[in-house]
Amino acid sequence: MGRIRLKRAYEPAGRADGRRFLVERLWPRGVTKEALAVETWLKDVAPSAALRTWYGHDAAKWPEFRRRYLDELAQHDAALAPLREALRRGPVTLVFAARAPERSSAAVLREYLEGTPRGRRPG
């Protein structure tokens, strides 16, 4: 499988990004389609509106947000098909808007795609 990178929507696209996918429920504020340079917008792999609103990027809620989002991803695994296909062909960049990459839904999504979410036992 190809490599998965994370990149904020406010950072310029680069050659090393490979195929870029926006993985947010909402379009990033103030960013044009051209500047974002994504192949497609995968709204259905983003956290549900209810989960995103509940979390509100509150660091204290991060562990529970992560657990709930992993559960959502497991229930909507088919929506990840475009990402899995792209990964078979090379590097992929998950584009997101959160200020803290380490506590972003894109970080959890990368864990899920890599098949080794921290804190969960395989199988």
PDB file of N, CA and C in Angstrom:
ATOM      1  N   MET A   1       0.838  -1.186   0.000  1.00  0.00           N
ATOM      2  CA  MET A   1       0.000   0.000   0.000  1.00  0.00           C
ATOM      3  C   MET A   1       0.879   1.244   0.000  1.00  0.00           C
ATOM      4  N   GLY A   2       0.403   2.285  -0.648  1.00  0.00           N
ATOM      5  CA  GLY A   2       1.156   3.533  -0.712  1.00  0.00           C
ATOM      6  C   GLY A   2       1.196   4.264   0.609  1.00  0.00           C
ATOM      7  N   ARG A   3       1.943   5.313   0.632  1.00  0.00           N
ATOM      8  CA  ARG A   3       2.127   6.110   1.840  1.00  0.00           C
ATOM      9  C   ARG A   3       0.993   7.125   1.979  1.00  0.00           C
ATOM     10  N   ILE A   4       0.586   7.366   3.238  1.00  0.00           N
ATOM     11  CA  ILE A   4      -0.490   8.316   3.522  1.00  0.00           C
ATOM     12  C   ILE A   4       0.087   9.528   4.239  1.00  0.00           C
ATOM     13  N   ARG A   5      -0.077  10.693   3.632  1.00  0.00           N
ATOM     14  CA  ARG A   5       0.366  11.943   4.236  1.00  0.00           C
ATOM     15  C   ARG A   5      -0.846  12.736   4.687  1.00  0.00           C
ATOM     16  N   LEU A   6      -0.625  13.598   5.654  1.00  0.00           N
ATOM     17  CA  LEU A   6      -1.652  14.538   6.110  1.00  0.00           C
ATOM     18  C   LEU A   6      -1.189  15.940   5.772  1.00  0.00           C
ATOM     19  N   LYS A   7      -2.123  16.783   5.324  1.00  0.00           N
ATOM     20  CA  LYS A   7      -1.757  18.154   4.988  1.00  0.00           C
ATOM     21  C   LYS A   7      -2.951  19.065   5.220  1.00  0.00           C
ATOM     22  N   ARG A   8      -2.683  20.168   5.897  1.00  0.00           N
ATOM     23  CA  ARG A   8      -3.751  21.143   6.110  1.00  0.00           C
ATOM     24  C   ARG A   8      -4.155  21.775   4.783  1.00  0.00           C
ATOM     25  N   ALA A   9      -5.424  22.102   4.689  1.00  0.00           N
ATOM     26  CA  ALA A   9      -5.968  22.708   3.472  1.00  0.00           C
ATOM     27  C   ALA A   9      -5.321  24.049   3.166  1.00  0.00           C
ATOM     28  N   TYR A  10      -4.713  24.666   4.164  1.00  0.00           N
ATOM     29  CA  TYR A  10      -4.125  25.997   4.010  1.00  0.00           C
ATOM     30  C   TYR A  10      -2.656  25.942   3.602  1.00  0.00           C
ATOM     31  N   GLU A  11      -2.115  24.734   3.445  1.00  0.00           N
ATOM     32  CA  GLU A  11      -0.748  24.559   2.960  1.00  0.00           C
ATOM     33  C   GLU A  11      -0.806  24.311   1.455  1.00  0.00           C
ATOM     34  N   PRO A  12       0.170  24.813   0.706  1.00  0.00           N
ATOM     35  CA  PRO A  12       0.134  24.597  -0.749  1.00  0.00           C
ATOM     36  C   PRO A  12       0.340  23.134  -1.118  1.00  0.00           C
ATOM     37  N   ALA A  13      -0.274  22.727  -2.219  1.00  0.00           N
ATOM     38  CA  ALA A  13      -0.070  21.380  -2.747  1.00  0.00           C
ATOM     39  C   ALA A  13       1.378  21.246  -3.197  1.00  0.00           C
ATOM     40  N   GLY A  14       1.897  20.034  -3.099  1.00  0.00           N
ATOM     41  CA  GLY A  14       3.279  19.785  -3.512  1.00  0.00           C
ATOM     42  C   GLY A  14       3.376  18.532  -4.363  1.00  0.00           C
ATOM     43  N   ARG A  15       4.463  18.405  -5.068  1.00  0.00           N
ATOM     44  CA  ARG A  15       4.666  17.248  -5.949  1.00  0.00           C
ATOM     45  C   ARG A  15       4.642  15.934  -5.186  1.00  0.00           C
ATOM     46  N   ALA A  16       5.175  15.922  -3.963  1.00  0.00           N
ATOM     47  CA  ALA A  16       5.258  14.693  -3.170  1.00  0.00           C
ATOM     48  C   ALA A  16       3.904  14.258  -2.604  1.00  0.00           C
ATOM     49  N   ASP A  17       2.878  15.076  -2.773  1.00  0.00           N
ATOM     50  CA  ASP A  17       1.567  14.762  -2.198  1.00  0.00           C
ATOM     51  C   ASP A  17       0.902  13.547  -2.834  1.00  0.00           C
ATOM     52  N   GLY A  18       1.220  13.256  -4.066  1.00  0.00           N
ATOM     53  CA  GLY A  18       0.506  12.188  -4.751  1.00  0.00           C
ATOM     54  C   GLY A  18      -0.928  12.626  -5.000  1.00  0.00           C
ATOM     55  N   ARG A  19      -1.837  11.686  -4.869  1.00  0.00           N
ATOM     56  CA  ARG A  19      -3.259  12.003  -5.081  1.00  0.00           C
ATOM     57  C   ARG A  19      -3.816  12.617  -3.800  1.00  0.00           C
ATOM     58  N   ARG A  20      -4.497  13.746  -3.947  1.00  0.00           N
ATOM     59  CA  ARG A  20      -5.005  14.503  -2.797  1.00  0.00           C
ATOM     60  C   ARG A  20      -6.524  14.371  -2.692  1.00  0.00           C
ATOM     61  N   PHE A  21      -6.986  14.134  -1.454  1.00  0.00           N
ATOM     62  CA  PHE A  21      -8.414  13.980  -1.185  1.00  0.00           C
ATOM     63  C   PHE A  21      -8.798  14.859  -0.006  1.00  0.00           C
ATOM     64  N   LEU A  22      -9.841  15.656  -0.173  1.00  0.00           N
ATOM     65  CA  LEU A  22     -10.383  16.428   0.945  1.00  0.00           C
ATOM     66  C   LEU A  22     -11.247  15.481   1.765  1.00  0.00           C
ATOM     67  N   VAL A  23     -10.954  15.363   3.069  1.00  0.00           N
ATOM     68  CA  VAL A  23     -11.645  14.408   3.940  1.00  0.00           C
ATOM     69  C   VAL A  23     -12.357  15.136   5.077  1.00  0.00           C
ATOM     70  N   GLU A  24     -13.031  16.207   4.725  1.00  0.00           N
ATOM     71  CA  GLU A  24     -13.789  17.026   5.683  1.00  0.00           C
ATOM     72  C   GLU A  24     -15.251  17.042   5.272  1.00  0.00           C
ATOM     73  N   ARG A  25     -16.119  17.213   6.240  1.00  0.00           N
ATOM     74  CA  ARG A  25     -17.559  17.336   5.963  1.00  0.00           C
ATOM     75  C   ARG A  25     -17.866  18.711   5.358  1.00  0.00           C
ATOM     76  N   LEU A  26     -17.110  19.744   5.778  1.00  0.00           N
ATOM     77  CA  LEU A  26     -17.313  21.117   5.295  1.00  0.00           C
ATOM     78  C   LEU A  26     -16.101  21.571   4.486  1.00  0.00           C
ATOM     79  N   TRP A  27     -16.358  22.409   3.485  1.00  0.00           N
ATOM     80  CA  TRP A  27     -15.265  22.964   2.676  1.00  0.00           C
ATOM     81  C   TRP A  27     -14.468  23.936   3.548  1.00  0.00           C
ATOM     82  N   PRO A  28     -13.143  23.900   3.487  1.00  0.00           N
ATOM     83  CA  PRO A  28     -12.314  24.808   4.297  1.00  0.00           C
ATOM     84  C   PRO A  28     -12.569  26.273   3.931  1.00  0.00           C
ATOM     85  N   ARG A  29     -12.752  27.087   4.941  1.00  0.00           N
ATOM     86  CA  ARG A  29     -13.039  28.514   4.732  1.00  0.00           C
ATOM     87  C   ARG A  29     -11.914  29.216   3.987  1.00  0.00           C
ATOM     88  N   GLY A  30     -12.306  30.017   3.011  1.00  0.00           N
ATOM     89  CA  GLY A  30     -11.365  30.882   2.318  1.00  0.00           C
ATOM     90  C   GLY A  30     -10.425  30.197   1.347  1.00  0.00           C
ATOM     91  N   VAL A  31     -10.652  28.925   1.041  1.00  0.00           N
ATOM     92  CA  VAL A  31      -9.769  28.195   0.127  1.00  0.00           C
ATOM     93  C   VAL A  31     -10.535  27.910  -1.159  1.00  0.00           C
ATOM     94  N   THR A  32      -9.943  28.287  -2.287  1.00  0.00           N
ATOM     95  CA  THR A  32     -10.586  28.033  -3.575  1.00  0.00           C
ATOM     96  C   THR A  32     -10.360  26.584  -4.000  1.00  0.00           C
ATOM     97  N   LYS A  33     -11.191  26.145  -4.899  1.00  0.00           N
ATOM     98  CA  LYS A  33     -11.067  24.796  -5.444  1.00  0.00           C
ATOM     99  C   LYS A  33      -9.689  24.618  -6.103  1.00  0.00           C
ATOM    100  N   GLU A  34      -9.267  25.638  -6.823  1.00  0.00           N
ATOM    101  CA  GLU A  34      -7.976  25.575  -7.518  1.00  0.00           C
ATOM    102  C   GLU A  34      -6.814  25.485  -6.529  1.00  0.00           C
ATOM    103  N   ALA A  35      -6.865  26.283  -5.474  1.00  0.00           N
ATOM    104  CA  ALA A  35      -5.784  26.278  -4.476  1.00  0.00           C
ATOM    105  C   ALA A  35      -5.738  24.960  -3.713  1.00  0.00           C
ATOM    106  N   LEU A  36      -6.890  24.375  -3.476  1.00  0.00           N
ATOM    107  CA  LEU A  36      -6.932  23.126  -2.725  1.00  0.00           C
ATOM    108  C   LEU A  36      -6.363  21.969  -3.535  1.00  0.00           C
ATOM    109  N   ALA A  37      -6.582  21.972  -4.831  1.00  0.00           N
ATOM    110  CA  ALA A  37      -6.011  20.983  -5.754  1.00  0.00           C
ATOM    111  C   ALA A  37      -6.235  19.548  -5.300  1.00  0.00           C
ATOM    112  N   VAL A  38      -7.494  19.218  -4.986  1.00  0.00           N
ATOM    113  CA  VAL A  38      -7.794  17.846  -4.600  1.00  0.00           C
ATOM    114  C   VAL A  38      -8.426  17.093  -5.759  1.00  0.00           C
ATOM    115  N   GLU A  39      -8.223  15.802  -5.762  1.00  0.00           N
ATOM    116  CA  GLU A  39      -8.830  14.953  -6.786  1.00  0.00           C
ATOM    117  C   GLU A  39     -10.339  14.878  -6.576  1.00  0.00           C
ATOM    118  N   THR A  40     -10.725  14.723  -5.328  1.00  0.00           N
ATOM    119  CA  THR A  40     -12.146  14.658  -5.011  1.00  0.00           C
ATOM    120  C   THR A  40     -12.376  14.989  -3.540  1.00  0.00           C
ATOM    121  N   TRP A  41     -13.619  15.281  -3.228  1.00  0.00           N
ATOM    122  CA  TRP A  41     -14.030  15.630  -1.874  1.00  0.00           C
ATOM    123  C   TRP A  41     -14.810  14.440  -1.325  1.00  0.00           C
ATOM    124  N   LEU A  42     -14.259  13.773  -0.336  1.00  0.00           N
ATOM    125  CA  LEU A  42     -14.879  12.582   0.233  1.00  0.00           C
ATOM    126  C   LEU A  42     -15.590  12.928   1.543  1.00  0.00           C
ATOM    127  N   LYS A  43     -16.731  13.574   1.439  1.00  0.00           N
ATOM    128  CA  LYS A  43     -17.499  13.973   2.624  1.00  0.00           C
ATOM    129  C   LYS A  43     -17.902  12.771   3.465  1.00  0.00           C
ATOM    130  N   ASP A  44     -18.201  11.654   2.809  1.00  0.00           N
ATOM    131  CA  ASP A  44     -18.726  10.489   3.517  1.00  0.00           C
ATOM    132  C   ASP A  44     -17.705   9.769   4.389  1.00  0.00           C
ATOM    133  N   VAL A  45     -16.433  10.103   4.266  1.00  0.00           N
ATOM    134  CA  VAL A  45     -15.440   9.489   5.160  1.00  0.00           C
ATOM    135  C   VAL A  45     -15.144  10.390   6.362  1.00  0.00           C
ATOM    136  N   ALA A  46     -15.681  11.586   6.353  1.00  0.00           N
ATOM    137  CA  ALA A  46     -15.493  12.524   7.463  1.00  0.00           C
ATOM    138  C   ALA A  46     -16.387  12.120   8.631  1.00  0.00           C
ATOM    139  N   PRO A  47     -16.060  12.586   9.835  1.00  0.00           N
ATOM    140  CA  PRO A  47     -16.944  12.298  10.971  1.00  0.00           C
ATOM    141  C   PRO A  47     -18.342  12.855  10.710  1.00  0.00           C
ATOM    142  N   SER A  48     -19.338  12.199  11.284  1.00  0.00           N
ATOM    143  CA  SER A  48     -20.710  12.672  11.142  1.00  0.00           C
ATOM    144  C   SER A  48     -20.820  14.093  11.682  1.00  0.00           C
ATOM    145  N   ALA A  49     -21.827  14.812  11.212  1.00  0.00           N
ATOM    146  CA  ALA A  49     -22.036  16.182  11.688  1.00  0.00           C
ATOM    147  C   ALA A  49     -22.225  16.202  13.203  1.00  0.00           C
ATOM    148  N   ALA A  50     -22.962  15.231  13.734  1.00  0.00           N
ATOM    149  CA  ALA A  50     -23.200  15.182  15.181  1.00  0.00           C
ATOM    150  C   ALA A  50     -21.894  14.965  15.947  1.00  0.00           C
ATOM    151  N   LEU A  51     -21.043  14.068  15.466  1.00  0.00           N
ATOM    152  CA  LEU A  51     -19.773  13.803  16.150  1.00  0.00           C
ATOM    153  C   LEU A  51     -18.840  15.005  16.052  1.00  0.00           C
ATOM    154  N   ARG A  52     -18.772  15.603  14.877  1.00  0.00           N
ATOM    155  CA  ARG A  52     -17.910  16.772  14.675  1.00  0.00           C
ATOM    156  C   ARG A  52     -18.334  17.912  15.596  1.00  0.00           C
ATOM    157  N   THR A  53     -19.632  18.155  15.692  1.00  0.00           N
ATOM    158  CA  THR A  53     -20.152  19.228  16.546  1.00  0.00           C
ATOM    159  C   THR A  53     -19.874  18.925  18.017  1.00  0.00           C
ATOM    160  N   TRP A  54     -20.100  17.686  18.420  1.00  0.00           N
ATOM    161  CA  TRP A  54     -19.840  17.291  19.815  1.00  0.00           C
ATOM    162  C   TRP A  54     -18.376  17.515  20.183  1.00  0.00           C
ATOM    163  N   TYR A  55     -17.465  17.101  19.301  1.00  0.00           N
ATOM    164  CA  TYR A  55     -16.025  17.199  19.568  1.00  0.00           C
ATOM    165  C   TYR A  55     -15.575  18.647  19.655  1.00  0.00           C
ATOM    166  N   GLY A  56     -15.878  19.449  18.675  1.00  0.00           N
ATOM    167  CA  GLY A  56     -15.501  20.858  18.664  1.00  0.00           C
ATOM    168  C   GLY A  56     -14.018  21.110  18.873  1.00  0.00           C
ATOM    169  N   HIS A  57     -13.184  20.160  18.522  1.00  0.00           N
ATOM    170  CA  HIS A  57     -11.720  20.254  18.669  1.00  0.00           C
ATOM    171  C   HIS A  57     -11.299  20.542  20.107  1.00  0.00           C
ATOM    172  N   ASP A  58     -12.055  20.004  21.044  1.00  0.00           N
ATOM    173  CA  ASP A  58     -11.739  20.105  22.477  1.00  0.00           C
ATOM    174  C   ASP A  58     -10.755  18.980  22.803  1.00  0.00           C
ATOM    175  N   ALA A  59      -9.520  19.344  23.141  1.00  0.00           N
ATOM    176  CA  ALA A  59      -8.469  18.350  23.396  1.00  0.00           C
ATOM    177  C   ALA A  59      -8.882  17.329  24.453  1.00  0.00           C
ATOM    178  N   ALA A  60      -9.664  17.743  25.434  1.00  0.00           N
ATOM    179  CA  ALA A  60     -10.091  16.825  26.496  1.00  0.00           C
ATOM    180  C   ALA A  60     -11.007  15.730  25.949  1.00  0.00           C
ATOM    181  N   LYS A  61     -11.686  16.010  24.836  1.00  0.00           N
ATOM    182  CA  LYS A  61     -12.600  15.034  24.242  1.00  0.00           C
ATOM    183  C   LYS A  61     -11.919  14.143  23.199  1.00  0.00           C
ATOM    184  N   TRP A  62     -10.649  14.392  22.912  1.00  0.00           N
ATOM    185  CA  TRP A  62      -9.946  13.680  21.847  1.00  0.00           C
ATOM    186  C   TRP A  62     -10.038  12.155  21.961  1.00  0.00           C
ATOM    187  N   PRO A  63      -9.707  11.541  23.114  1.00  0.00           N
ATOM    188  CA  PRO A  63      -9.761  10.071  23.157  1.00  0.00           C
ATOM    189  C   PRO A  63     -11.141   9.512  22.816  1.00  0.00           C
ATOM    190  N   GLU A  64     -12.194  10.143  23.313  1.00  0.00           N
ATOM    191  CA  GLU A  64     -13.544   9.664  23.033  1.00  0.00           C
ATOM    192  C   GLU A  64     -13.943   9.952  21.588  1.00  0.00           C
ATOM    193  N   PHE A  65     -13.538  11.105  21.059  1.00  0.00           N
ATOM    194  CA  PHE A  65     -13.806  11.417  19.649  1.00  0.00           C
ATOM    195  C   PHE A  65     -13.163  10.360  18.760  1.00  0.00           C
ATOM    196  N   ARG A  66     -11.907  10.058  19.041  1.00  0.00           N
ATOM    197  CA  ARG A  66     -11.165   9.080  18.252  1.00  0.00           C
ATOM    198  C   ARG A  66     -11.876   7.727  18.266  1.00  0.00           C
ATOM    199  N   ARG A  67     -12.299   7.279  19.440  1.00  0.00           N
ATOM    200  CA  ARG A  67     -12.989   5.994  19.575  1.00  0.00           C
ATOM    201  C   ARG A  67     -14.295   5.993  18.773  1.00  0.00           C
ATOM    202  N   ARG A  68     -15.064   7.062  18.905  1.00  0.00           N
ATOM    203  CA  ARG A  68     -16.348   7.145  18.194  1.00  0.00           C
ATOM    204  C   ARG A  68     -16.158   7.219  16.681  1.00  0.00           C
ATOM    205  N   TYR A  69     -15.135   7.968  16.255  1.00  0.00           N
ATOM    206  CA  TYR A  69     -14.899   8.096  14.813  1.00  0.00           C
ATOM    207  C   TYR A  69     -14.418   6.766  14.229  1.00  0.00           C
ATOM    208  N   LEU A  70     -13.577   6.035  14.931  1.00  0.00           N
ATOM    209  CA  LEU A  70     -13.158   4.708  14.463  1.00  0.00           C
ATOM    210  C   LEU A  70     -14.379   3.801  14.298  1.00  0.00           C
ATOM    211  N   ASP A  71     -15.316   3.895  15.230  1.00  0.00           N
ATOM    212  CA  ASP A  71     -16.553   3.111  15.119  1.00  0.00           C
ATOM    213  C   ASP A  71     -17.354   3.525  13.882  1.00  0.00           C
ATOM    214  N   GLU A  72     -17.443   4.846  13.630  1.00  0.00           N
ATOM    215  CA  GLU A  72     -18.158   5.319  12.429  1.00  0.00           C
ATOM    216  C   GLU A  72     -17.483   4.802  11.162  1.00  0.00           C
ATOM    217  N   LEU A  73     -16.167   4.853  11.126  1.00  0.00           N
ATOM    218  CA  LEU A  73     -15.442   4.386   9.944  1.00  0.00           C
ATOM    219  C   LEU A  73     -15.709   2.901   9.691  1.00  0.00           C
ATOM    220  N   ALA A  74     -15.746   2.120  10.730  1.00  0.00           N
ATOM    221  CA  ALA A  74     -16.005   0.685  10.584  1.00  0.00           C
ATOM    222  C   ALA A  74     -17.392   0.429   9.995  1.00  0.00           C
ATOM    223  N   GLN A  75     -18.332   1.316  10.301  1.00  0.00           N
ATOM    224  CA  GLN A  75     -19.693   1.164   9.790  1.00  0.00           C
ATOM    225  C   GLN A  75     -19.861   1.693   8.366  1.00  0.00           C
ATOM    226  N   HIS A  76     -18.906   2.495   7.898  1.00  0.00           N
ATOM    227  CA  HIS A  76     -18.987   3.090   6.560  1.00  0.00           C
ATOM    228  C   HIS A  76     -17.747   2.741   5.732  1.00  0.00           C
ATOM    229  N   ASP A  77     -17.258   1.537   5.924  1.00  0.00           N
ATOM    230  CA  ASP A  77     -16.015   1.110   5.283  1.00  0.00           C
ATOM    231  C   ASP A  77     -16.060   1.227   3.756  1.00  0.00           C
ATOM    232  N   ALA A  78     -17.211   0.997   3.135  1.00  0.00           N
ATOM    233  CA  ALA A  78     -17.318   1.051   1.676  1.00  0.00           C
ATOM    234  C   ALA A  78     -16.978   2.437   1.123  1.00  0.00           C
ATOM    235  N   ALA A  79     -17.227   3.480   1.907  1.00  0.00           N
ATOM    236  CA  ALA A  79     -16.930   4.848   1.462  1.00  0.00           C
ATOM    237  C   ALA A  79     -15.430   5.079   1.291  1.00  0.00           C
ATOM    238  N   LEU A  80     -14.622   4.195   1.857  1.00  0.00           N
ATOM    239  CA  LEU A  80     -13.164   4.342   1.789  1.00  0.00           C
ATOM    240  C   LEU A  80     -12.565   3.732   0.521  1.00  0.00           C
ATOM    241  N   ALA A  81     -13.387   3.118  -0.306  1.00  0.00           N
ATOM    242  CA  ALA A  81     -12.889   2.450  -1.519  1.00  0.00           C
ATOM    243  C   ALA A  81     -12.016   3.349  -2.397  1.00  0.00           C
ATOM    244  N   PRO A  82     -12.403   4.610  -2.661  1.00  0.00           N
ATOM    245  CA  PRO A  82     -11.538   5.447  -3.511  1.00  0.00           C
ATOM    246  C   PRO A  82     -10.147   5.664  -2.897  1.00  0.00           C
ATOM    247  N   LEU A  83     -10.087   5.779  -1.581  1.00  0.00           N
ATOM    248  CA  LEU A  83      -8.786   5.960  -0.928  1.00  0.00           C
ATOM    249  C   LEU A  83      -7.952   4.682  -1.007  1.00  0.00           C
ATOM    250  N   ARG A  84      -8.569   3.566  -0.769  1.00  0.00           N
ATOM    251  CA  ARG A  84      -7.841   2.286  -0.829  1.00  0.00           C
ATOM    252  C   ARG A  84      -7.311   2.038  -2.237  1.00  0.00           C
ATOM    253  N   GLU A  85      -8.114   2.343  -3.234  1.00  0.00           N
ATOM    254  CA  GLU A  85      -7.681   2.165  -4.625  1.00  0.00           C
ATOM    255  C   GLU A  85      -6.506   3.092  -4.937  1.00  0.00           C
ATOM    256  N   ALA A  86      -6.605   4.332  -4.523  1.00  0.00           N
ATOM    257  CA  ALA A  86      -5.511   5.288  -4.767  1.00  0.00           C
ATOM    258  C   ALA A  86      -4.229   4.840  -4.068  1.00  0.00           C
ATOM    259  N   LEU A  87      -4.351   4.291  -2.867  1.00  0.00           N
ATOM    260  CA  LEU A  87      -3.175   3.846  -2.115  1.00  0.00           C
ATOM    261  C   LEU A  87      -2.465   2.680  -2.794  1.00  0.00           C
ATOM    262  N   ARG A  88      -3.190   1.873  -3.521  1.00  0.00           N
ATOM    263  CA  ARG A  88      -2.558   0.764  -4.252  1.00  0.00           C
ATOM    264  C   ARG A  88      -1.650   1.282  -5.361  1.00  0.00           C
ATOM    265  N   ARG A  89      -1.896   2.517  -5.786  1.00  0.00           N
ATOM    266  CA  ARG A  89      -1.147   3.083  -6.917  1.00  0.00           C
ATOM    267  C   ARG A  89      -0.041   4.045  -6.510  1.00  0.00           C
ATOM    268  N   GLY A  90      -0.017   4.459  -5.228  1.00  0.00           N
ATOM    269  CA  GLY A  90       1.037   5.389  -4.817  1.00  0.00           C
ATOM    270  C   GLY A  90       0.636   6.222  -3.627  1.00  0.00           C
ATOM    271  N   PRO A  91       1.395   7.287  -3.379  1.00  0.00           N
ATOM    272  CA  PRO A  91       1.127   8.114  -2.206  1.00  0.00           C
ATOM    273  C   PRO A  91      -0.199   8.863  -2.300  1.00  0.00           C
ATOM    274  N   VAL A  92      -0.790   9.061  -1.127  1.00  0.00           N
ATOM    275  CA  VAL A  92      -2.064   9.764  -1.002  1.00  0.00           C
ATOM    276  C   VAL A  92      -1.914  10.803   0.102  1.00  0.00           C
ATOM    277  N   THR A  93      -2.500  11.969  -0.103  1.00  0.00           N
ATOM    278  CA  THR A  93      -2.524  12.999   0.930  1.00  0.00           C
ATOM    279  C   THR A  93      -3.965  13.252   1.324  1.00  0.00           C
ATOM    280  N   LEU A  94      -4.204  13.150   2.644  1.00  0.00           N
ATOM    281  CA  LEU A  94      -5.509  13.463   3.209  1.00  0.00           C
ATOM    282  C   LEU A  94      -5.491  14.941   3.583  1.00  0.00           C
ATOM    283  N   VAL A  95      -6.332  15.725   2.954  1.00  0.00           N
ATOM    284  CA  VAL A  95      -6.374  17.170   3.157  1.00  0.00           C
ATOM    285  C   VAL A  95      -7.488  17.477   4.166  1.00  0.00           C
ATOM    286  N   PHE A  96      -7.143  18.289   5.164  1.00  0.00           N
ATOM    287  CA  PHE A  96      -8.071  18.591   6.257  1.00  0.00           C
ATOM    288  C   PHE A  96      -7.891  20.039   6.680  1.00  0.00           C
ATOM    289  N   ALA A  97      -8.782  20.535   7.534  1.00  0.00           N
ATOM    290  CA  ALA A  97      -8.738  21.942   7.921  1.00  0.00           C
ATOM    291  C   ALA A  97      -8.311  22.183   9.366  1.00  0.00           C
ATOM    292  N   ALA A  98      -8.366  21.191  10.220  1.00  0.00           N
ATOM    293  CA  ALA A  98      -8.087  21.379  11.653  1.00  0.00           C
ATOM    294  C   ALA A  98      -6.710  21.994  11.898  1.00  0.00           C
ATOM    295  N   ARG A  99      -6.611  22.784  12.953  1.00  0.00           N
ATOM    296  CA  ARG A  99      -5.340  23.431  13.289  1.00  0.00           C
ATOM    297  C   ARG A  99      -4.322  22.473  13.896  1.00  0.00           C
ATOM    298  N   ALA A 100      -4.804  21.439  14.577  1.00  0.00           N
ATOM    299  CA  ALA A 100      -3.922  20.486  15.261  1.00  0.00           C
ATOM    300  C   ALA A 100      -3.934  19.147  14.511  1.00  0.00           C
ATOM    301  N   PRO A 101      -2.976  18.937  13.624  1.00  0.00           N
ATOM    302  CA  PRO A 101      -2.978  17.710  12.822  1.00  0.00           C
ATOM    303  C   PRO A 101      -3.024  16.432  13.657  1.00  0.00           C
ATOM    304  N   GLU A 102      -2.343  16.430  14.792  1.00  0.00           N
ATOM    305  CA  GLU A 102      -2.294  15.224  15.613  1.00  0.00           C
ATOM    306  C   GLU A 102      -3.636  14.892  16.266  1.00  0.00           C
ATOM    307  N   ARG A 103      -4.542  15.861  16.334  1.00  0.00           N
ATOM    308  CA  ARG A 103      -5.878  15.636  16.899  1.00  0.00           C
ATOM    309  C   ARG A 103      -6.954  15.914  15.842  1.00  0.00           C
ATOM    310  N   SER A 104      -6.664  15.559  14.619  1.00  0.00           N
ATOM    311  CA  SER A 104      -7.622  15.779  13.529  1.00  0.00           C
ATOM    312  C   SER A 104      -8.286  14.469  13.130  1.00  0.00           C
ATOM    313  N   SER A 105      -9.436  14.579  12.513  1.00  0.00           N
ATOM    314  CA  SER A 105     -10.092  13.374  12.002  1.00  0.00           C
ATOM    315  C   SER A 105      -9.230  12.718  10.924  1.00  0.00           C
ATOM    316  N   ALA A 106      -8.448  13.503  10.189  1.00  0.00           N
ATOM    317  CA  ALA A 106      -7.573  12.934   9.161  1.00  0.00           C
ATOM    318  C   ALA A 106      -6.531  12.003   9.780  1.00  0.00           C
ATOM    319  N   ALA A 107      -6.038  12.325  10.973  1.00  0.00           N
ATOM    320  CA  ALA A 107      -5.072  11.455  11.657  1.00  0.00           C
ATOM    321  C   ALA A 107      -5.713  10.121  12.011  1.00  0.00           C
ATOM    322  N   VAL A 108      -6.966  10.163  12.469  1.00  0.00           N
ATOM    323  CA  VAL A 108      -7.686   8.930  12.802  1.00  0.00           C
ATOM    324  C   VAL A 108      -7.960   8.127  11.536  1.00  0.00           C
ATOM    325  N   LEU A 109      -8.343   8.815  10.480  1.00  0.00           N
ATOM    326  CA  LEU A 109      -8.606   8.154   9.204  1.00  0.00           C
ATOM    327  C   LEU A 109      -7.345   7.454   8.701  1.00  0.00           C
ATOM    328  N   ARG A 110      -6.207   8.114   8.804  1.00  0.00           N
ATOM    329  CA  ARG A 110      -4.946   7.484   8.385  1.00  0.00           C
ATOM    330  C   ARG A 110      -4.707   6.216   9.198  1.00  0.00           C
ATOM    331  N   GLU A 111      -4.883   6.293  10.514  1.00  0.00           N
ATOM    332  CA  GLU A 111      -4.734   5.104  11.366  1.00  0.00           C
ATOM    333  C   GLU A 111      -5.628   3.975  10.879  1.00  0.00           C
ATOM    334  N   TYR A 112      -6.869   4.302  10.607  1.00  0.00           N
ATOM    335  CA  TYR A 112      -7.834   3.291  10.172  1.00  0.00           C
ATOM    336  C   TYR A 112      -7.394   2.659   8.848  1.00  0.00           C
ATOM    337  N   LEU A 113      -6.984   3.471   7.909  1.00  0.00           N
ATOM    338  CA  LEU A 113      -6.546   2.965   6.607  1.00  0.00           C
ATOM    339  C   LEU A 113      -5.287   2.115   6.708  1.00  0.00           C
ATOM    340  N   GLU A 114      -4.419   2.480   7.624  1.00  0.00           N
ATOM    341  CA  GLU A 114      -3.190   1.709   7.818  1.00  0.00           C
ATOM    342  C   GLU A 114      -3.459   0.399   8.547  1.00  0.00           C
ATOM    343  N   GLY A 115      -4.661   0.279   9.120  1.00  0.00           N
ATOM    344  CA  GLY A 115      -5.049  -0.972   9.751  1.00  0.00           C
ATOM    345  C   GLY A 115      -4.504  -1.214  11.126  1.00  0.00           C
ATOM    346  N   THR A 116      -3.903  -0.177  11.715  1.00  0.00           N
ATOM    347  CA  THR A 116      -3.317  -0.340  13.046  1.00  0.00           C
ATOM    348  C   THR A 116      -3.706   0.803  13.956  1.00  0.00           C
ATOM    349  N   PRO A 117      -5.001   1.013  14.182  1.00  0.00           N
ATOM    350  CA  PRO A 117      -5.367   2.107  15.081  1.00  0.00           C
ATOM    351  C   PRO A 117      -4.813   1.880  16.481  1.00  0.00           C
ATOM    352  N   ARG A 118      -4.131   2.868  17.003  1.00  0.00           N
ATOM    353  CA  ARG A 118      -3.567   2.773  18.356  1.00  0.00           C
ATOM    354  C   ARG A 118      -4.691   2.554  19.364  1.00  0.00           C
ATOM    355  N   GLY A 119      -4.420   1.698  20.310  1.00  0.00           N
ATOM    356  CA  GLY A 119      -5.386   1.466  21.350  1.00  0.00           C
ATOM    357  C   GLY A 119      -6.422   0.399  21.001  1.00  0.00           C
ATOM    358  N   ARG A 120      -6.328  -0.164  19.828  1.00  0.00           N
ATOM    359  CA  ARG A 120      -7.242  -1.253  19.435  1.00  0.00           C
ATOM    360  C   ARG A 120      -6.402  -2.451  19.040  1.00  0.00           C
ATOM    361  N   ARG A 121      -6.854  -3.607  19.403  1.00  0.00           N
ATOM    362  CA  ARG A 121      -6.151  -4.827  19.014  1.00  0.00           C
ATOM    363  C   ARG A 121      -6.673  -5.289  17.656  1.00  0.00           C
ATOM    364  N   PRO A 122      -5.762  -5.697  16.770  1.00  0.00           N
ATOM    365  CA  PRO A 122      -6.218  -6.200  15.470  1.00  0.00           C
ATOM    366  C   PRO A 122      -7.081  -7.446  15.649  1.00  0.00           C
ATOM    367  N   GLY A 123      -8.032  -7.620  14.720  1.00  0.00           N
ATOM    368  CA  GLY A 123      -8.848  -8.816  14.674  1.00  0.00           C
ATOM    369  C   GLY A 123      -9.954  -8.770  15.638  1.00  0.00           C
TER     370      GLY A 123
END
